Protein backbone atom coordinates (compact mmCIF):
# COMPACT_ATOMS: atom_id res chain seq x y z
CA MET A 1 -90.80 16.74 -17.00
CA ASN A 2 -89.68 14.47 -19.84
CA LYS A 3 -87.64 11.53 -18.48
CA ILE A 4 -84.87 11.99 -21.06
CA LYS A 5 -84.48 15.67 -20.14
CA LEU A 6 -84.46 14.80 -16.43
CA TYR A 7 -81.83 12.14 -17.05
CA TRP A 8 -79.46 14.58 -18.74
CA ILE A 9 -80.03 17.25 -16.10
CA LEU A 10 -79.13 14.78 -13.35
CA GLN A 11 -76.14 13.47 -15.30
CA ILE A 12 -74.67 16.93 -15.89
CA LEU A 13 -75.39 18.16 -12.36
CA GLY A 14 -74.07 14.99 -10.75
CA TRP A 15 -70.75 14.78 -12.56
CA SER A 16 -70.26 18.56 -12.48
CA SER A 17 -70.64 18.33 -8.70
CA TYR A 18 -68.05 15.55 -8.68
CA ALA A 19 -65.60 17.82 -10.53
CA LEU A 20 -66.28 20.80 -8.24
CA ILE A 21 -65.82 18.75 -5.06
CA ASN A 22 -62.50 17.41 -6.32
CA LEU A 23 -61.38 20.90 -7.28
CA PHE A 24 -62.34 22.18 -3.84
CA PHE A 25 -60.25 19.58 -2.00
CA ALA A 26 -57.38 20.03 -4.45
CA SER A 27 -57.39 23.76 -3.71
CA LEU A 28 -57.13 23.03 0.03
CA ASP A 29 -54.21 20.71 -0.50
CA ARG A 30 -51.80 22.46 -2.87
CA GLY A 31 -53.74 25.24 -4.52
CA LEU A 32 -55.34 25.10 -7.95
CA THR A 33 -53.80 25.42 -11.37
CA ILE A 34 -55.52 25.78 -14.73
CA ILE A 35 -54.19 22.36 -15.70
CA GLN A 36 -55.84 20.75 -12.66
CA VAL A 37 -59.15 22.42 -13.45
CA TRP A 38 -59.15 21.05 -16.99
CA ALA A 39 -57.96 17.64 -15.81
CA PHE A 40 -60.82 17.24 -13.30
CA LEU A 41 -63.37 18.53 -15.83
CA ALA A 42 -62.07 16.02 -18.37
CA LEU A 43 -62.34 13.21 -15.81
CA ALA A 44 -65.93 14.21 -15.00
CA ALA A 45 -66.68 14.14 -18.74
CA ILE A 46 -65.25 10.61 -18.93
CA TYR A 47 -67.52 9.53 -16.07
CA LEU A 48 -70.52 11.11 -17.79
CA LEU A 49 -69.84 9.49 -21.17
CA SER A 50 -68.99 6.07 -19.72
CA THR A 51 -72.12 5.94 -17.53
CA HIS A 52 -74.21 7.02 -20.51
CA PHE A 53 -72.65 4.18 -22.51
CA LEU A 54 -73.57 1.77 -19.70
CA ARG A 55 -77.16 3.05 -19.81
CA TYR A 56 -77.18 2.47 -23.59
CA VAL A 57 -76.03 -1.14 -23.11
CA ILE A 58 -78.62 -1.75 -20.38
CA LYS A 59 -81.45 -0.49 -22.59
CA LYS A 60 -80.29 -2.06 -25.87
CA TYR A 61 -79.82 -5.54 -24.45
CA GLY A 62 -82.83 -5.49 -22.12
CA TRP A 63 -81.03 -6.04 -18.82
CA PHE A 64 -84.17 -5.16 -16.87
CA ASN A 65 -85.82 -8.27 -18.30
CA LEU A 66 -83.08 -10.54 -16.91
CA GLU A 67 -83.28 -12.60 -13.76
CA PHE A 68 -81.78 -10.86 -10.74
CA SER A 69 -78.73 -13.14 -10.57
CA ARG A 70 -77.85 -12.52 -14.23
CA LEU A 71 -78.52 -8.80 -13.89
CA LEU A 72 -76.18 -8.63 -10.87
CA THR A 73 -73.47 -10.61 -12.68
CA TYR A 74 -73.63 -8.48 -15.82
CA THR A 75 -73.63 -5.28 -13.76
CA LEU A 76 -70.57 -6.29 -11.71
CA ILE A 77 -68.67 -7.22 -14.87
CA ALA A 78 -69.63 -3.94 -16.53
CA LEU A 79 -68.63 -1.89 -13.46
CA THR A 80 -65.27 -3.67 -13.28
CA VAL A 81 -64.55 -3.02 -16.97
CA LEU A 82 -65.54 0.64 -16.65
CA SER A 83 -63.39 1.05 -13.53
CA LEU A 84 -60.32 -0.36 -15.25
CA GLY A 85 -61.02 1.82 -18.27
CA ASN A 86 -61.40 4.86 -16.03
CA THR A 87 -58.06 4.19 -14.32
CA LEU A 88 -56.38 3.93 -17.71
CA ALA A 89 -58.09 7.16 -18.78
CA GLN A 90 -56.73 8.92 -15.66
CA ILE A 91 -53.19 7.86 -16.56
CA ILE A 92 -53.67 9.10 -20.13
CA LEU A 93 -55.06 12.41 -18.86
CA ASN A 94 -52.07 12.85 -16.57
CA ILE A 95 -49.76 12.22 -19.52
CA ILE A 96 -51.68 14.72 -21.69
CA PHE A 97 -51.67 17.44 -19.03
CA GLY A 98 -48.09 16.68 -17.94
CA THR A 99 -49.05 15.83 -14.37
CA LEU A 100 -48.07 12.15 -14.35
CA ARG A 101 -45.65 11.13 -11.60
CA PRO A 102 -44.59 7.61 -12.69
CA GLU A 103 -42.86 6.72 -9.44
CA GLU A 104 -46.12 7.35 -7.52
CA ASP A 105 -49.04 7.14 -9.98
CA LEU A 106 -47.97 3.86 -11.61
CA ARG A 107 -47.43 1.88 -8.43
CA PRO A 108 -49.70 -1.23 -8.29
CA LEU A 109 -51.22 -0.13 -4.98
CA VAL A 110 -52.11 3.34 -6.34
CA ILE A 111 -53.61 1.82 -9.49
CA ALA A 112 -55.64 -0.63 -7.38
CA VAL A 113 -56.92 2.16 -5.12
CA ASN A 114 -57.88 4.35 -8.08
CA THR A 115 -59.68 1.41 -9.70
CA PHE A 116 -61.55 0.68 -6.47
CA VAL A 117 -62.59 4.31 -6.05
CA SER A 118 -63.79 4.40 -9.65
CA PHE A 119 -65.73 1.19 -9.02
CA LEU A 120 -67.46 2.82 -6.04
CA PHE A 121 -68.51 5.83 -8.12
CA TYR A 122 -69.83 3.61 -10.92
CA ALA A 123 -71.60 1.36 -8.40
CA LEU A 124 -73.28 4.39 -6.83
CA TRP A 125 -74.43 5.57 -10.26
CA ALA A 126 -75.74 2.10 -11.17
CA MET A 127 -77.59 1.78 -7.87
CA LEU A 128 -79.31 5.15 -8.36
CA TYR A 129 -80.15 4.36 -11.98
CA PHE A 130 -81.63 0.94 -11.19
CA LEU A 131 -83.49 2.36 -8.20
CA PHE A 132 -84.98 5.13 -10.32
CA HIS A 133 -86.05 2.66 -13.00
CA PHE A 134 -87.68 0.18 -10.64
CA LEU A 135 -89.47 2.93 -8.69
CA ASP A 136 -90.70 4.46 -11.94
CA ASN A 137 -91.83 1.04 -13.16
CA TYR A 138 -93.63 0.46 -9.85
CA ASN A 139 -95.34 3.85 -10.08
CA GLN A 140 -96.42 3.12 -13.65
CA THR A 141 -97.89 -0.19 -12.51
CA LEU A 142 -99.83 1.51 -9.71
CA LYS A 143 -100.99 4.19 -12.11
CA TYR A 144 -102.13 1.54 -14.57
CA GLN A 145 -104.07 -0.36 -11.91
CA ALA A 146 -105.75 2.82 -10.66
CA LYS A 147 -106.61 4.00 -14.17
CA ILE A 148 -107.93 0.62 -15.24
CA ASN A 149 -110.49 0.78 -12.43
CA GLU A 150 -111.64 4.18 -13.65
CA ILE A 151 -112.17 3.10 -17.24
CA GLN A 152 -113.20 -0.51 -16.57
CA LEU A 153 -116.95 0.00 -17.01
CA ASN A 154 -116.58 1.75 -20.37
CA HIS A 155 -113.87 -0.69 -21.35
CA LEU A 156 -116.05 -3.71 -20.62
CA LYS A 157 -118.91 -2.00 -22.38
CA SER A 158 -116.84 -1.78 -25.53
CA GLN A 159 -115.68 -5.38 -25.17
CA LEU A 160 -118.94 -7.10 -24.26
CA ASN A 161 -121.19 -5.05 -26.49
CA PRO A 162 -124.76 -6.22 -25.65
CA HIS A 163 -125.93 -5.33 -29.16
CA PHE A 164 -123.30 -7.62 -30.64
CA ILE A 165 -124.30 -10.48 -28.33
CA PHE A 166 -127.99 -9.93 -29.15
CA ASN A 167 -127.30 -9.88 -32.90
CA ALA A 168 -125.04 -12.94 -32.69
CA LEU A 169 -127.70 -14.94 -30.82
CA ASN A 170 -130.33 -13.97 -33.38
CA SER A 171 -128.01 -15.05 -36.18
CA VAL A 172 -127.38 -18.39 -34.47
CA ARG A 173 -131.10 -18.89 -33.90
CA ALA A 174 -131.75 -18.40 -37.62
CA LEU A 175 -129.08 -20.99 -38.44
CA VAL A 176 -130.41 -23.68 -36.12
CA ASP A 177 -133.03 -24.83 -38.64
CA GLU A 178 -131.20 -23.84 -41.83
CA ASP A 179 -127.73 -25.20 -41.08
CA PRO A 180 -127.36 -26.93 -37.67
CA LYS A 181 -123.69 -27.70 -38.27
CA LYS A 182 -122.91 -24.06 -39.00
CA ALA A 183 -125.01 -23.01 -35.98
CA LYS A 184 -122.90 -25.25 -33.75
CA ILE A 185 -119.71 -23.63 -35.05
CA ALA A 186 -121.19 -20.16 -34.48
CA ILE A 187 -122.08 -21.03 -30.87
CA THR A 188 -118.51 -22.21 -30.31
CA GLN A 189 -117.14 -18.96 -31.76
CA LEU A 190 -119.42 -16.86 -29.55
CA SER A 191 -118.44 -18.81 -26.44
CA ASN A 192 -114.75 -18.39 -27.38
CA ILE A 193 -115.20 -14.62 -27.51
CA LEU A 194 -116.99 -14.45 -24.16
CA ARG A 195 -114.50 -16.74 -22.43
CA PHE A 196 -111.53 -14.86 -23.90
CA SER A 197 -112.95 -11.49 -22.79
CA LEU A 198 -113.54 -12.66 -19.23
CA MET A 199 -110.18 -14.43 -18.91
CA MET A 200 -107.97 -11.81 -20.57
CA ASP A 201 -109.48 -8.59 -19.23
CA LYS A 202 -107.07 -8.40 -16.28
CA LYS A 203 -103.96 -9.12 -18.34
CA ARG A 204 -101.85 -6.25 -19.54
CA VAL A 205 -100.64 -7.83 -22.78
CA ILE A 206 -101.20 -11.16 -24.53
CA ASP A 207 -99.83 -12.99 -27.56
CA PHE A 208 -100.89 -11.42 -30.84
CA GLU A 209 -102.08 -14.80 -32.12
CA ASN A 210 -104.64 -15.15 -29.32
CA GLU A 211 -106.05 -11.71 -30.04
CA LEU A 212 -106.21 -12.40 -33.78
CA ASN A 213 -108.12 -15.67 -33.22
CA THR A 214 -110.74 -13.77 -31.21
CA VAL A 215 -111.06 -11.19 -33.99
CA LYS A 216 -111.58 -13.96 -36.53
CA ASP A 217 -114.32 -15.51 -34.38
CA TYR A 218 -115.97 -12.10 -34.05
CA LEU A 219 -115.87 -11.36 -37.80
CA ASN A 220 -117.12 -14.86 -38.66
CA LEU A 221 -120.20 -14.19 -36.53
CA GLU A 222 -120.71 -10.80 -38.13
CA MET A 223 -120.45 -12.37 -41.59
CA ILE A 224 -123.39 -14.59 -40.68
CA ARG A 225 -125.42 -11.49 -39.79
CA PHE A 226 -124.41 -9.31 -42.74
CA GLU A 227 -124.14 -12.19 -45.23
CA GLU A 228 -122.92 -10.87 -48.62
CA ARG A 229 -122.83 -7.29 -47.29
CA LEU A 230 -119.55 -7.96 -45.45
CA GLN A 231 -116.25 -8.98 -47.02
CA VAL A 232 -113.26 -9.71 -44.79
CA SER A 233 -109.59 -9.79 -45.70
CA TYR A 234 -106.50 -10.62 -43.57
CA LEU A 235 -102.97 -9.54 -44.47
CA ILE A 236 -100.85 -10.80 -41.56
CA GLU A 237 -97.06 -11.00 -41.78
CA THR A 238 -95.31 -13.82 -39.93
CA GLU A 239 -93.31 -11.35 -37.79
CA ALA A 240 -96.54 -10.08 -36.21
CA TYR A 241 -96.86 -13.29 -34.21
CA ASP A 242 -93.69 -12.40 -32.26
CA TYR A 243 -95.44 -9.46 -30.59
CA LYS A 244 -97.69 -9.04 -27.58
CA ILE A 245 -100.58 -6.58 -27.57
CA PRO A 246 -103.20 -5.43 -25.02
CA PRO A 247 -106.15 -7.86 -24.90
CA MET A 248 -109.31 -7.01 -26.87
CA MET A 249 -107.63 -3.95 -28.43
CA LEU A 250 -107.71 -5.19 -32.02
CA GLN A 251 -111.19 -6.62 -31.49
CA THR A 252 -112.42 -3.24 -30.22
CA ILE A 253 -111.07 -1.47 -33.31
CA VAL A 254 -112.69 -4.03 -35.62
CA GLU A 255 -115.98 -3.74 -33.75
CA ASN A 256 -115.80 0.04 -34.13
CA ALA A 257 -115.27 -0.40 -37.89
CA ILE A 258 -118.36 -2.63 -38.11
CA LYS A 259 -120.51 -0.35 -35.96
CA HIS A 260 -119.64 2.99 -37.54
CA GLY A 261 -118.68 1.82 -41.02
CA ILE A 262 -120.28 -1.33 -42.40
CA SER A 263 -123.61 -1.21 -40.54
CA ASN A 264 -124.31 2.31 -41.81
CA ARG A 265 -124.00 1.34 -45.48
CA VAL A 266 -126.83 -0.27 -47.40
CA LYS A 267 -124.40 -2.24 -49.53
CA GLY A 268 -122.13 -3.06 -46.61
CA GLY A 269 -118.44 -3.09 -47.40
CA LEU A 270 -114.97 -4.41 -46.65
CA ILE A 271 -113.05 -5.02 -43.43
CA GLU A 272 -109.32 -5.51 -43.99
CA VAL A 273 -107.02 -6.41 -41.08
CA LYS A 274 -103.36 -5.78 -41.91
CA CYS A 275 -100.50 -6.40 -39.47
CA PHE A 276 -96.80 -6.10 -40.20
CA GLU A 277 -93.48 -5.19 -38.59
CA GLY A 278 -92.49 -1.55 -39.02
CA ILE A 279 -89.04 -0.19 -39.75
CA SER A 280 -88.49 0.72 -36.07
CA ASP A 281 -89.14 -2.76 -34.64
CA ASP A 282 -92.76 -1.98 -33.88
CA LEU A 283 -95.96 -3.79 -34.79
CA VAL A 284 -98.18 -1.85 -37.17
CA ILE A 285 -101.86 -2.79 -37.00
CA GLN A 286 -104.15 -1.34 -39.64
CA VAL A 287 -107.90 -1.93 -39.80
CA LYS A 288 -109.38 -0.65 -43.04
CA ASN A 289 -113.14 -0.40 -43.43
CA SER A 290 -115.57 0.99 -45.96
CA GLY A 291 -117.00 4.34 -44.95
CA GLN A 292 -115.89 7.90 -44.16
CA LEU A 293 -115.13 9.83 -41.00
CA LYS A 294 -117.43 12.81 -40.69
CA ASN A 295 -114.94 14.47 -38.32
CA ALA A 296 -111.42 13.22 -38.96
CA VAL A 297 -109.88 15.49 -36.35
CA ASN A 298 -111.97 14.24 -33.45
CA PRO A 299 -113.47 10.83 -34.22
CA LYS A 300 -115.21 10.50 -30.84
CA ARG A 301 -118.95 10.14 -31.02
CA LYS A 302 -121.53 11.85 -28.91
CA ASN A 303 -124.19 10.25 -26.74
CA GLY A 304 -121.87 7.74 -25.13
CA GLU A 305 -120.34 6.43 -28.35
CA GLY A 306 -116.64 6.23 -29.02
CA HIS A 307 -115.68 4.58 -25.73
CA GLY A 308 -113.69 1.94 -27.61
CA ILE A 309 -111.38 4.47 -29.28
CA THR A 310 -111.01 6.57 -26.13
CA ASN A 311 -110.11 3.55 -24.00
CA THR A 312 -107.72 2.27 -26.66
CA ILE A 313 -105.78 5.54 -26.64
CA GLN A 314 -105.69 5.57 -22.82
CA ARG A 315 -104.48 1.98 -22.58
CA LEU A 316 -101.73 2.54 -25.16
CA LYS A 317 -100.47 5.58 -23.25
CA LEU A 318 -100.56 3.78 -19.89
CA ILE A 319 -98.76 0.66 -21.09
CA TYR A 320 -96.28 2.07 -23.60
CA GLY A 321 -96.00 5.78 -22.81
CA GLN A 322 -94.94 7.71 -25.92
CA ARG A 323 -93.62 4.62 -27.71
CA ALA A 324 -97.01 3.61 -29.12
CA SER A 325 -99.26 5.63 -31.41
CA PHE A 326 -102.88 5.67 -32.55
CA LYS A 327 -104.48 7.45 -35.47
CA ILE A 328 -107.65 7.18 -37.53
CA TYR A 329 -108.08 8.86 -40.89
CA ASN A 330 -109.91 8.75 -44.21
CA SER A 331 -108.21 6.88 -47.05
CA GLY A 332 -109.54 8.29 -50.28
CA SER A 333 -113.29 8.73 -50.54
CA ASP A 334 -114.33 5.16 -49.72
CA PHE A 335 -112.35 3.92 -46.74
CA VAL A 336 -111.31 4.68 -43.17
CA ILE A 337 -108.03 3.38 -41.73
CA THR A 338 -107.39 2.91 -38.02
CA GLU A 339 -103.67 2.46 -37.32
CA ILE A 340 -101.92 1.41 -34.12
CA LYS A 341 -98.16 1.09 -33.63
CA ILE A 342 -96.95 -1.02 -30.70
CA PRO A 343 -93.27 -1.47 -29.68
CA LYS A 344 -91.85 -4.94 -29.25
CA GLN A 345 -90.79 -4.26 -25.67
CA ASN A 346 -93.69 -3.62 -23.34
CA LEU A 347 -92.26 -1.00 -20.99
CA THR A 348 -90.17 2.06 -21.62
CA LEU A 349 -86.89 2.37 -19.72
CA GLY A 350 -85.79 5.36 -17.75
């Protein structure tokens, strides 16, 4: 079930139960009136709306990313403010429904007790909400670890492509006699890629800049192999460097563009890497390459090909849920665009 739908079901059921329980005890005490029914329903609605507002604040300001001490402090302050607001709302409701008894309801002790009871209800809600979030986050982590083991072989295959390594070594060998200085640089770039792949494979996300540097090393090596058949262009906005992305994801997409686009064309073509911040605070990564998709609906290849795209889609779903997106499509008659959207925050909240 969708987490948002589950949240609203639990909210409505929980606070409706609160209203029904209060109505039940009120009926045992003095009998029920229509005014009491509406008053308790209105109070339950206030609890529902105020707790939903608290959830909005928690998500908007990233409370789950805070240290425990700060999270506890902010939560206690929020619960106190909501409790005081709830007590005031009860007084207003009593005035509206004509049930206020000033000599009893406005006594300091009664107000203090009502505030304390409200605090307990809000604290119970907050405890259940935080518990649900942390358990869900823990389950997602376990799911990610289990899934990463399942796809690790194919994932590593797409990262440490033996054909790429073989071609890169041949290119470096050809440079040793022609341009020793350039050959030395190429060896450094190849070692950077291998070291980065081995070091970053276990990390969930890394700085965008680190990933981009690896992509540049990779394309520099491919430019040695393809020579004038490969043109490379980078359009990177400054905001992109504020994001974190899964390691080797951009490199895998670029490698796919080389393998299925440039290498299949006699005249080669263009690789354009474009990264910018979208209108919804997400990072948009576009890799544009010369070529055409033969099957735009299902770009997976047969005979073991297409592992890079498949693993990319799986990793995006595991890390970001529905907040990230992946698509690949033809752009005109000469180019293919692979587009990934990644949110700025790494994990979705319950």
